[in-house]
């Protein structure tokens, strides 16, 4: 916090919150006395998410320092797109660099330095690495061994959504159908009347695909499971959800997502001209 320029008084207030935490452990209904932790905040405290953001900024600075030195390189999704070296969301991190031992070693050093400074540890067992198609098998094995992570064919799902969409969208979005079927079959049908089953089915069928439809244009053939005779309305709902994304691009064209989408999908026009 001192490096980032926070005022000394503010830092003292934050550290007071951290150092004055105490716990009272109950053993068989009897108080076992107070425990004074040496670090951290109590569970449910609203302060940790903000402190984590400040803390992970240190990792961002380490990666940016390596970029300035030319030790690692960013990734571009298209010509004219802003280069990206890392993306953070809560405690999830996506790191992009060239697939070679030199850059993998630098990234490993940045992570080790971050662990040393912050006290946080990277869970390499839950981490994996994904390579582009033009990366040789030998290089893939060397880079994965250097980082100590497993290889993955793709990133799978991120935040509950598929990271990659191929030509067969029905197969990709089949997980939504599977989730609906799993939820419906888990009900105890003997305890529900016919009207109750219909209300539950409608509620589940309309709510579960909402998150996916706010990001992706769902395949029309997959809409039949979500509704009985109301496919056109659900298609309009899907377009309305995607319209919210387009509105974000219109109102904030300087955001990272808007600049990446423009360079990749409509480099010579604007988002309103493509709608």
C-alpha atoms as a PDB file:
ATOM      1  CA  UNK A   1       0.000   0.000   0.000  1.00  0.00           C
ATOM      2  CA  UNK A   2       2.925   2.319   0.651  1.00  0.00           C
ATOM      3  CA  UNK A   3       4.309   1.630  -2.834  1.00  0.00           C
ATOM      4  CA  UNK A   4       0.904   2.398  -4.364  1.00  0.00           C
ATOM      5  CA  UNK A   5       0.850   5.788  -2.631  1.00  0.00           C
ATOM      6  CA  UNK A   6      -1.795   5.274   0.042  1.00  0.00           C
ATOM      7  CA  UNK A   7      -1.707   7.764   2.895  1.00  0.00           C
ATOM      8  CA  UNK A   8       0.040   6.579   6.066  1.00  0.00           C
ATOM      9  CA  UNK A   9      -3.009   7.310   8.232  1.00  0.00           C
ATOM     10  CA  UNK A  10      -5.236   5.219   5.987  1.00  0.00           C
ATOM     11  CA  UNK A  11      -2.754   2.344   6.093  1.00  0.00           C
ATOM     12  CA  UNK A  12      -2.737   2.459   9.900  1.00  0.00           C
ATOM     13  CA  UNK A  13      -6.535   2.272   9.980  1.00  0.00           C
ATOM     14  CA  UNK A  14      -6.520  -0.768   7.706  1.00  0.00           C
ATOM     15  CA  UNK A  15      -3.813  -2.503   9.726  1.00  0.00           C
ATOM     16  CA  UNK A  16      -5.800  -1.804  12.900  1.00  0.00           C
ATOM     17  CA  UNK A  17      -8.689  -3.764  11.405  1.00  0.00           C
ATOM     18  CA  UNK A  18      -6.320  -6.616  10.583  1.00  0.00           C
ATOM     19  CA  UNK A  19      -4.407  -6.793  13.873  1.00  0.00           C
ATOM     20  CA  UNK A  20      -7.325  -6.370  16.301  1.00  0.00           C
ATOM     21  CA  UNK A  21      -9.332  -9.384  15.105  1.00  0.00           C
ATOM     22  CA  UNK A  22     -10.087 -12.050  17.723  1.00  0.00           C
ATOM     23  CA  UNK A  23     -12.149 -15.255  17.774  1.00  0.00           C
ATOM     24  CA  UNK A  24     -14.084 -17.020  20.490  1.00  0.00           C
ATOM     25  CA  UNK A  25     -14.145 -20.791  19.965  1.00  0.00           C
ATOM     26  CA  UNK A  26     -17.025 -22.782  21.466  1.00  0.00           C
ATOM     27  CA  UNK A  27     -16.208 -26.374  22.483  1.00  0.00           C
ATOM     28  CA  UNK A  28     -19.286 -28.470  23.359  1.00  0.00           C
ATOM     29  CA  UNK A  29     -21.191 -25.282  24.117  1.00  0.00           C
ATOM     30  CA  UNK A  30     -18.484 -23.937  26.417  1.00  0.00           C
ATOM     31  CA  UNK A  31     -16.266 -21.020  25.511  1.00  0.00           C
ATOM     32  CA  UNK A  32     -12.692 -22.100  24.991  1.00  0.00           C
ATOM     33  CA  UNK A  33     -11.312 -18.595  25.293  1.00  0.00           C
ATOM     34  CA  UNK A  34     -10.344 -15.973  22.765  1.00  0.00           C
ATOM     35  CA  UNK A  35      -7.860 -16.664  19.991  1.00  0.00           C
ATOM     36  CA  UNK A  36      -5.779 -13.801  18.603  1.00  0.00           C
ATOM     37  CA  UNK A  37      -4.784 -14.542  14.979  1.00  0.00           C
ATOM     38  CA  UNK A  38      -1.503 -13.210  13.643  1.00  0.00           C
ATOM     39  CA  UNK A  39      -2.938 -12.318  10.225  1.00  0.00           C
ATOM     40  CA  UNK A  40      -6.154 -12.101   8.248  1.00  0.00           C
ATOM     41  CA  UNK A  41      -9.710 -10.945   8.883  1.00  0.00           C
ATOM     42  CA  UNK A  42     -12.771 -12.768  10.087  1.00  0.00           C
ATOM     43  CA  UNK A  43     -14.876 -14.666   7.593  1.00  0.00           C
ATOM     44  CA  UNK A  44     -17.648 -12.544   6.090  1.00  0.00           C
ATOM     45  CA  UNK A  45     -15.836  -9.278   6.702  1.00  0.00           C
ATOM     46  CA  UNK A  46     -16.535  -6.878   3.782  1.00  0.00           C
ATOM     47  CA  UNK A  47     -12.954  -5.574   3.806  1.00  0.00           C
ATOM     48  CA  UNK A  48     -11.014  -8.624   2.435  1.00  0.00           C
ATOM     49  CA  UNK A  49     -12.229  -8.340  -1.201  1.00  0.00           C
ATOM     50  CA  UNK A  50     -10.920  -4.776  -1.397  1.00  0.00           C
ATOM     51  CA  UNK A  51      -7.645  -5.707   0.273  1.00  0.00           C
ATOM     52  CA  UNK A  52      -7.254  -8.626  -2.127  1.00  0.00           C
ATOM     53  CA  UNK A  53      -7.652  -6.284  -5.092  1.00  0.00           C
ATOM     54  CA  UNK A  54      -4.901  -4.068  -3.685  1.00  0.00           C
ATOM     55  CA  UNK A  55      -2.736  -7.113  -2.988  1.00  0.00           C
ATOM     56  CA  UNK A  56      -3.134  -8.676  -6.430  1.00  0.00           C
ATOM     57  CA  UNK A  57      -2.154  -5.336  -7.936  1.00  0.00           C
ATOM     58  CA  UNK A  58       1.337  -6.278  -6.793  1.00  0.00           C
ATOM     59  CA  UNK A  59       1.283  -9.291  -9.125  1.00  0.00           C
ATOM     60  CA  UNK A  60       0.140  -7.029 -11.944  1.00  0.00           C
ATOM     61  CA  UNK A  61       3.075  -4.699 -11.285  1.00  0.00           C
ATOM     62  CA  UNK A  62       5.528  -7.613 -11.334  1.00  0.00           C
ATOM     63  CA  UNK A  63       4.177  -8.773 -14.691  1.00  0.00           C
ATOM     64  CA  UNK A  64       4.233  -5.246 -16.088  1.00  0.00           C
ATOM     65  CA  UNK A  65       7.849  -4.859 -14.974  1.00  0.00           C
ATOM     66  CA  UNK A  66       8.719  -8.055 -16.855  1.00  0.00           C
ATOM     67  CA  UNK A  67       6.895  -6.704 -19.921  1.00  0.00           C
ATOM     68  CA  UNK A  68       8.836  -3.443 -19.851  1.00  0.00           C
ATOM     69  CA  UNK A  69      12.086  -5.397 -19.593  1.00  0.00           C
ATOM     70  CA  UNK A  70      11.063  -7.485 -22.603  1.00  0.00           C
ATOM     71  CA  UNK A  71      11.199 -10.738 -20.628  1.00  0.00           C
ATOM     72  CA  UNK A  72       7.618 -11.704 -21.563  1.00  0.00           C
ATOM     73  CA  UNK A  73       5.312 -10.670 -24.393  1.00  0.00           C
ATOM     74  CA  UNK A  74       1.613  -9.927 -24.610  1.00  0.00           C
ATOM     75  CA  UNK A  75      -1.027 -11.675 -26.700  1.00  0.00           C
ATOM     76  CA  UNK A  76      -3.225 -10.115 -29.410  1.00  0.00           C
ATOM     77  CA  UNK A  77      -6.477 -11.645 -30.642  1.00  0.00           C
ATOM     78  CA  UNK A  78      -6.429  -9.626 -33.882  1.00  0.00           C
ATOM     79  CA  UNK A  79      -4.468  -6.948 -35.704  1.00  0.00           C
ATOM     80  CA  UNK A  80      -5.049  -3.610 -34.015  1.00  0.00           C
ATOM     81  CA  UNK A  81      -6.363  -5.204 -30.818  1.00  0.00           C
ATOM     82  CA  UNK A  82      -4.876  -4.104 -27.487  1.00  0.00           C
ATOM     83  CA  UNK A  83      -2.207  -6.561 -26.304  1.00  0.00           C
ATOM     84  CA  UNK A  84      -3.072  -8.467 -23.136  1.00  0.00           C
ATOM     85  CA  UNK A  85      -0.653 -10.050 -20.703  1.00  0.00           C
ATOM     86  CA  UNK A  86      -2.983 -10.892 -17.809  1.00  0.00           C
ATOM     87  CA  UNK A  87      -6.615 -10.712 -16.729  1.00  0.00           C
ATOM     88  CA  UNK A  88      -7.791 -10.845 -13.108  1.00  0.00           C
ATOM     89  CA  UNK A  89     -11.284 -11.577 -11.798  1.00  0.00           C
ATOM     90  CA  UNK A  90     -11.609 -12.039  -8.030  1.00  0.00           C
ATOM     91  CA  UNK A  91      -9.091 -14.782  -7.182  1.00  0.00           C
ATOM     92  CA  UNK A  92      -8.918 -16.142 -10.749  1.00  0.00           C
ATOM     93  CA  UNK A  93      -6.015 -15.145 -12.987  1.00  0.00           C
ATOM     94  CA  UNK A  94      -5.374 -15.623 -16.709  1.00  0.00           C
ATOM     95  CA  UNK A  95      -1.770 -15.127 -17.830  1.00  0.00           C
ATOM     96  CA  UNK A  96      -0.706 -14.857 -21.477  1.00  0.00           C
ATOM     97  CA  UNK A  97       2.857 -15.264 -22.768  1.00  0.00           C
ATOM     98  CA  UNK A  98       4.864 -16.953 -25.505  1.00  0.00           C
ATOM     99  CA  UNK A  99       5.208 -20.707 -25.191  1.00  0.00           C
ATOM    100  CA  UNK A 100       8.914 -21.052 -24.455  1.00  0.00           C
ATOM    101  CA  UNK A 101      11.043 -21.929 -21.461  1.00  0.00           C
ATOM    102  CA  UNK A 102      12.440 -18.405 -21.071  1.00  0.00           C
ATOM    103  CA  UNK A 103       9.087 -16.675 -20.648  1.00  0.00           C
ATOM    104  CA  UNK A 104       7.649 -19.534 -18.588  1.00  0.00           C
ATOM    105  CA  UNK A 105      10.588 -19.181 -16.174  1.00  0.00           C
ATOM    106  CA  UNK A 106       9.988 -15.422 -15.863  1.00  0.00           C
ATOM    107  CA  UNK A 107       6.283 -15.962 -15.123  1.00  0.00           C
ATOM    108  CA  UNK A 108       7.211 -18.590 -12.543  1.00  0.00           C
ATOM    109  CA  UNK A 109       9.595 -16.114 -10.893  1.00  0.00           C
ATOM    110  CA  UNK A 110       6.895 -13.416 -10.804  1.00  0.00           C
ATOM    111  CA  UNK A 111       4.480 -15.820  -9.116  1.00  0.00           C
ATOM    112  CA  UNK A 112       7.133 -16.915  -6.611  1.00  0.00           C
ATOM    113  CA  UNK A 113       7.975 -13.295  -5.819  1.00  0.00           C
ATOM    114  CA  UNK A 114       4.282 -12.519  -5.349  1.00  0.00           C
ATOM    115  CA  UNK A 115       3.916 -15.446  -2.951  1.00  0.00           C
ATOM    116  CA  UNK A 116       6.934 -14.215  -0.979  1.00  0.00           C
ATOM    117  CA  UNK A 117       5.642 -10.639  -0.684  1.00  0.00           C
ATOM    118  CA  UNK A 118       1.930 -11.287  -0.118  1.00  0.00           C
ATOM    119  CA  UNK A 119       1.963 -14.546   1.832  1.00  0.00           C
ATOM    120  CA  UNK A 120      -0.573 -15.996  -0.624  1.00  0.00           C
ATOM    121  CA  UNK A 121       0.149 -19.267  -2.384  1.00  0.00           C
ATOM    122  CA  UNK A 122      -0.710 -20.224  -5.948  1.00  0.00           C
ATOM    123  CA  UNK A 123      -2.598 -23.519  -6.145  1.00  0.00           C
ATOM    124  CA  UNK A 124      -0.791 -25.185  -9.038  1.00  0.00           C
ATOM    125  CA  UNK A 125      -2.918 -28.330  -8.654  1.00  0.00           C
ATOM    126  CA  UNK A 126      -6.000 -26.353  -9.675  1.00  0.00           C
ATOM    127  CA  UNK A 127      -4.144 -24.455 -12.404  1.00  0.00           C
ATOM    128  CA  UNK A 128      -3.610 -25.594 -15.987  1.00  0.00           C
ATOM    129  CA  UNK A 129      -2.095 -24.337 -19.201  1.00  0.00           C
ATOM    130  CA  UNK A 130      -3.508 -24.213 -22.724  1.00  0.00           C
ATOM    131  CA  UNK A 131      -1.407 -23.810 -25.875  1.00  0.00           C
ATOM    132  CA  UNK A 132      -2.126 -22.575 -29.382  1.00  0.00           C
ATOM    133  CA  UNK A 133      -2.322 -25.114 -32.187  1.00  0.00           C
ATOM    134  CA  UNK A 134       1.086 -24.215 -33.641  1.00  0.00           C
ATOM    135  CA  UNK A 135       2.947 -25.143 -30.424  1.00  0.00           C
ATOM    136  CA  UNK A 136       4.925 -28.360 -30.691  1.00  0.00           C
ATOM    137  CA  UNK A 137       4.302 -31.237 -28.311  1.00  0.00           C
ATOM    138  CA  UNK A 138       7.855 -31.165 -26.943  1.00  0.00           C
ATOM    139  CA  UNK A 139       7.622 -27.463 -26.126  1.00  0.00           C
ATOM    140  CA  UNK A 140       4.228 -27.977 -24.481  1.00  0.00           C
ATOM    141  CA  UNK A 141       5.633 -30.588 -22.140  1.00  0.00           C
ATOM    142  CA  UNK A 142       8.669 -28.460 -21.264  1.00  0.00           C
ATOM    143  CA  UNK A 143       6.636 -25.320 -20.494  1.00  0.00           C
ATOM    144  CA  UNK A 144       4.045 -27.251 -18.468  1.00  0.00           C
ATOM    145  CA  UNK A 145       6.824 -28.958 -16.482  1.00  0.00           C
ATOM    146  CA  UNK A 146       8.523 -25.604 -15.869  1.00  0.00           C
ATOM    147  CA  UNK A 147       5.339 -24.132 -14.382  1.00  0.00           C
ATOM    148  CA  UNK A 148       4.337 -27.327 -12.617  1.00  0.00           C
ATOM    149  CA  UNK A 149       0.814 -27.428 -14.034  1.00  0.00           C
ATOM    150  CA  UNK A 150      -1.210 -29.856 -16.152  1.00  0.00           C
ATOM    151  CA  UNK A 151      -1.984 -29.340 -19.803  1.00  0.00           C
ATOM    152  CA  UNK A 152      -5.569 -28.796 -20.919  1.00  0.00           C
ATOM    153  CA  UNK A 153      -7.102 -29.047 -24.370  1.00  0.00           C
ATOM    154  CA  UNK A 154      -8.851 -25.752 -23.694  1.00  0.00           C
ATOM    155  CA  UNK A 155      -9.782 -23.636 -20.718  1.00  0.00           C
ATOM    156  CA  UNK A 156     -13.069 -25.509 -20.375  1.00  0.00           C
ATOM    157  CA  UNK A 157     -15.533 -23.361 -18.469  1.00  0.00           C
ATOM    158  CA  UNK A 158     -14.768 -20.023 -16.891  1.00  0.00           C
ATOM    159  CA  UNK A 159     -17.305 -18.442 -14.526  1.00  0.00           C
ATOM    160  CA  UNK A 160     -19.678 -21.243 -15.493  1.00  0.00           C
ATOM    161  CA  UNK A 161     -19.481 -20.551 -19.252  1.00  0.00           C
ATOM    162  CA  UNK A 162     -17.508 -22.322 -22.002  1.00  0.00           C
ATOM    163  CA  UNK A 163     -14.304 -20.486 -22.915  1.00  0.00           C
ATOM    164  CA  UNK A 164     -14.263 -21.647 -26.534  1.00  0.00           C
ATOM    165  CA  UNK A 165     -17.168 -21.930 -28.976  1.00  0.00           C
ATOM    166  CA  UNK A 166     -16.716 -24.058 -32.074  1.00  0.00           C
ATOM    167  CA  UNK A 167     -18.956 -24.660 -35.040  1.00  0.00           C
ATOM    168  CA  UNK A 168     -21.167 -27.178 -33.263  1.00  0.00           C
ATOM    169  CA  UNK A 169     -22.854 -24.838 -30.806  1.00  0.00           C
ATOM    170  CA  UNK A 170     -25.462 -27.425 -29.876  1.00  0.00           C
ATOM    171  CA  UNK A 171     -22.790 -29.652 -28.327  1.00  0.00           C
ATOM    172  CA  UNK A 172     -21.219 -26.705 -26.488  1.00  0.00           C
ATOM    173  CA  UNK A 173     -24.520 -25.588 -24.981  1.00  0.00           C
ATOM    174  CA  UNK A 174     -25.669 -29.091 -24.138  1.00  0.00           C
ATOM    175  CA  UNK A 175     -24.464 -28.504 -20.570  1.00  0.00           C
ATOM    176  CA  UNK A 176     -27.455 -26.178 -20.061  1.00  0.00           C
ATOM    177  CA  UNK A 177     -29.835 -28.931 -21.115  1.00  0.00           C
ATOM    178  CA  UNK A 178     -28.032 -31.402 -18.852  1.00  0.00           C
ATOM    179  CA  UNK A 179     -28.329 -29.055 -15.870  1.00  0.00           C
ATOM    180  CA  UNK A 180     -32.054 -28.603 -16.475  1.00  0.00           C
ATOM    181  CA  UNK A 181     -32.650 -32.349 -16.784  1.00  0.00           C
ATOM    182  CA  UNK A 182     -30.594 -32.999 -13.651  1.00  0.00           C
ATOM    183  CA  UNK A 183     -32.564 -30.445 -11.680  1.00  0.00           C
ATOM    184  CA  UNK A 184     -35.933 -31.721 -12.897  1.00  0.00           C
ATOM    185  CA  UNK A 185     -35.161 -35.410 -12.270  1.00  0.00           C
ATOM    186  CA  UNK A 186     -34.008 -34.634  -8.716  1.00  0.00           C
ATOM    187  CA  UNK A 187     -37.467 -33.458  -7.671  1.00  0.00           C
ATOM    188  CA  UNK A 188     -39.649 -35.770  -5.661  1.00  0.00           C
ATOM    189  CA  UNK A 189     -42.520 -35.947  -8.126  1.00  0.00           C
ATOM    190  CA  UNK A 190     -44.835 -37.631  -5.651  1.00  0.00           C
ATOM    191  CA  UNK A 191     -44.939 -34.466  -3.528  1.00  0.00           C
ATOM    192  CA  UNK A 192     -45.832 -32.142  -6.401  1.00  0.00           C
ATOM    193  CA  UNK A 193     -49.168 -31.683  -8.105  1.00  0.00           C
ATOM    194  CA  UNK A 194     -49.339 -31.276 -11.870  1.00  0.00           C
ATOM    195  CA  UNK A 195     -49.678 -27.502 -11.544  1.00  0.00           C
ATOM    196  CA  UNK A 196     -46.708 -27.371  -9.161  1.00  0.00           C
ATOM    197  CA  UNK A 197     -44.557 -29.366 -11.568  1.00  0.00           C
ATOM    198  CA  UNK A 198     -45.411 -26.941 -14.354  1.00  0.00           C
ATOM    199  CA  UNK A 199     -44.500 -23.893 -12.263  1.00  0.00           C
ATOM    200  CA  UNK A 200     -41.168 -25.408 -11.176  1.00  0.00           C
ATOM    201  CA  UNK A 201     -40.342 -26.537 -14.699  1.00  0.00           C
ATOM    202  CA  UNK A 202     -41.082 -23.116 -16.140  1.00  0.00           C
ATOM    203  CA  UNK A 203     -39.041 -21.397 -13.457  1.00  0.00           C
ATOM    204  CA  UNK A 204     -36.004 -23.633 -13.924  1.00  0.00           C
ATOM    205  CA  UNK A 205     -36.204 -23.731 -17.713  1.00  0.00           C
ATOM    206  CA  UNK A 206     -36.246 -19.947 -17.994  1.00  0.00           C
ATOM    207  CA  UNK A 207     -33.742 -19.020 -15.266  1.00  0.00           C
ATOM    208  CA  UNK A 208     -30.875 -21.457 -15.874  1.00  0.00           C
ATOM    209  CA  UNK A 209     -30.070 -20.428 -19.502  1.00  0.00           C
ATOM    210  CA  UNK A 210     -30.291 -16.693 -18.680  1.00  0.00           C
ATOM    211  CA  UNK A 211     -26.620 -16.307 -17.768  1.00  0.00           C
ATOM    212  CA  UNK A 212     -25.493 -18.098 -20.931  1.00  0.00           C
ATOM    213  CA  UNK A 213     -27.823 -16.102 -23.159  1.00  0.00           C
ATOM    214  CA  UNK A 214     -26.483 -12.833 -21.740  1.00  0.00           C
ATOM    215  CA  UNK A 215     -23.089 -13.689 -23.261  1.00  0.00           C
ATOM    216  CA  UNK A 216     -23.683 -16.044 -26.215  1.00  0.00           C
ATOM    217  CA  UNK A 217     -26.111 -16.240 -29.105  1.00  0.00           C
ATOM    218  CA  UNK A 218     -27.708 -19.585 -28.247  1.00  0.00           C
ATOM    219  CA  UNK A 219     -28.405 -22.040 -31.092  1.00  0.00           C
ATOM    220  CA  UNK A 220     -32.022 -21.998 -32.185  1.00  0.00           C
ATOM    221  CA  UNK A 221     -32.337 -25.773 -32.029  1.00  0.00           C
ATOM    222  CA  UNK A 222     -31.384 -25.716 -28.364  1.00  0.00           C
ATOM    223  CA  UNK A 223     -34.244 -23.405 -27.447  1.00  0.00           C
ATOM    224  CA  UNK A 224     -36.877 -26.138 -27.698  1.00  0.00           C
ATOM    225  CA  UNK A 225     -35.993 -27.566 -24.310  1.00  0.00           C
ATOM    226  CA  UNK A 226     -36.417 -24.234 -22.568  1.00  0.00           C
ATOM    227  CA  UNK A 227     -39.958 -23.577 -23.666  1.00  0.00           C
ATOM    228  CA  UNK A 228     -42.904 -25.343 -25.202  1.00  0.00           C
ATOM    229  CA  UNK A 229     -44.423 -23.084 -27.872  1.00  0.00           C
ATOM    230  CA  UNK A 230     -42.679 -19.826 -27.127  1.00  0.00           C
ATOM    231  CA  UNK A 231     -39.443 -20.124 -29.100  1.00  0.00           C
ATOM    232  CA  UNK A 232     -39.784 -16.692 -30.742  1.00  0.00           C
ATOM    233  CA  UNK A 233     -40.149 -14.924 -27.382  1.00  0.00           C
ATOM    234  CA  UNK A 234     -37.071 -16.688 -25.986  1.00  0.00           C
ATOM    235  CA  UNK A 235     -35.119 -15.750 -29.102  1.00  0.00           C
ATOM    236  CA  UNK A 236     -36.082 -12.123 -28.509  1.00  0.00           C
ATOM    237  CA  UNK A 237     -35.057 -12.475 -24.873  1.00  0.00           C
ATOM    238  CA  UNK A 238     -31.649 -13.790 -25.989  1.00  0.00           C
ATOM    239  CA  UNK A 239     -31.213 -10.802 -28.319  1.00  0.00           C
ATOM    240  CA  UNK A 240     -32.252  -8.404 -25.572  1.00  0.00           C
ATOM    241  CA  UNK A 241     -29.668  -9.861 -23.195  1.00  0.00           C
ATOM    242  CA  UNK A 242     -26.964  -9.537 -25.831  1.00  0.00           C
ATOM    243  CA  UNK A 243     -28.166  -5.991 -26.486  1.00  0.00           C
ATOM    244  CA  UNK A 244     -27.030  -5.078 -22.984  1.00  0.00           C
ATOM    245  CA  UNK A 245     -23.484  -6.046 -23.989  1.00  0.00           C
ATOM    246  CA  UNK A 246     -23.737  -3.912 -27.109  1.00  0.00           C
ATOM    247  CA  UNK A 247     -24.966  -0.999 -24.977  1.00  0.00           C
ATOM    248  CA  UNK A 248     -21.862  -1.327 -22.791  1.00  0.00           C
ATOM    249  CA  UNK A 249     -19.686  -1.114 -25.903  1.00  0.00           C
ATOM    250  CA  UNK A 250     -21.582   1.956 -27.106  1.00  0.00           C
ATOM    251  CA  UNK A 251     -21.437   3.823 -23.818  1.00  0.00           C
ATOM    252  CA  UNK A 252     -17.856   2.854 -22.965  1.00  0.00           C
ATOM    253  CA  UNK A 253     -15.934   2.352 -26.237  1.00  0.00           C
ATOM    254  CA  UNK A 254     -12.618   2.805 -24.445  1.00  0.00           C
ATOM    255  CA  UNK A 255     -13.015  -0.274 -22.255  1.00  0.00           C
ATOM    256  CA  UNK A 256     -10.744  -3.243 -22.844  1.00  0.00           C
ATOM    257  CA  UNK A 257     -13.603  -5.524 -23.925  1.00  0.00           C
ATOM    258  CA  UNK A 258     -14.969  -2.939 -26.383  1.00  0.00           C
ATOM    259  CA  UNK A 259     -11.555  -2.393 -27.988  1.00  0.00           C
ATOM    260  CA  UNK A 260     -10.897  -6.135 -28.301  1.00  0.00           C
ATOM    261  CA  UNK A 261     -14.307  -6.795 -29.873  1.00  0.00           C
ATOM    262  CA  UNK A 262     -13.916  -3.903 -32.298  1.00  0.00           C
ATOM    263  CA  UNK A 263     -10.507  -5.059 -33.495  1.00  0.00           C
ATOM    264  CA  UNK A 264     -11.709  -8.650 -33.873  1.00  0.00           C
ATOM    265  CA  UNK A 265     -15.217  -8.323 -35.324  1.00  0.00           C
ATOM    266  CA  UNK A 266     -15.815  -4.822 -36.744  1.00  0.00           C
ATOM    267  CA  UNK A 267     -12.446  -3.038 -37.207  1.00  0.00           C
ATOM    268  CA  UNK A 268     -13.666  -0.699 -39.977  1.00  0.00           C
ATOM    269  CA  UNK A 269     -17.081   0.214 -38.583  1.00  0.00           C
ATOM    270  CA  UNK A 270     -18.832   0.846 -35.271  1.00  0.00           C
ATOM    271  CA  UNK A 271     -20.908  -1.390 -33.056  1.00  0.00           C
ATOM    272  CA  UNK A 272     -24.146   0.492 -33.810  1.00  0.00           C
ATOM    273  CA  UNK A 273     -23.635  -0.129 -37.538  1.00  0.00           C
ATOM    274  CA  UNK A 274     -23.351  -3.877 -36.968  1.00  0.00           C
ATOM    275  CA  UNK A 275     -26.515  -4.213 -34.871  1.00  0.00           C
END
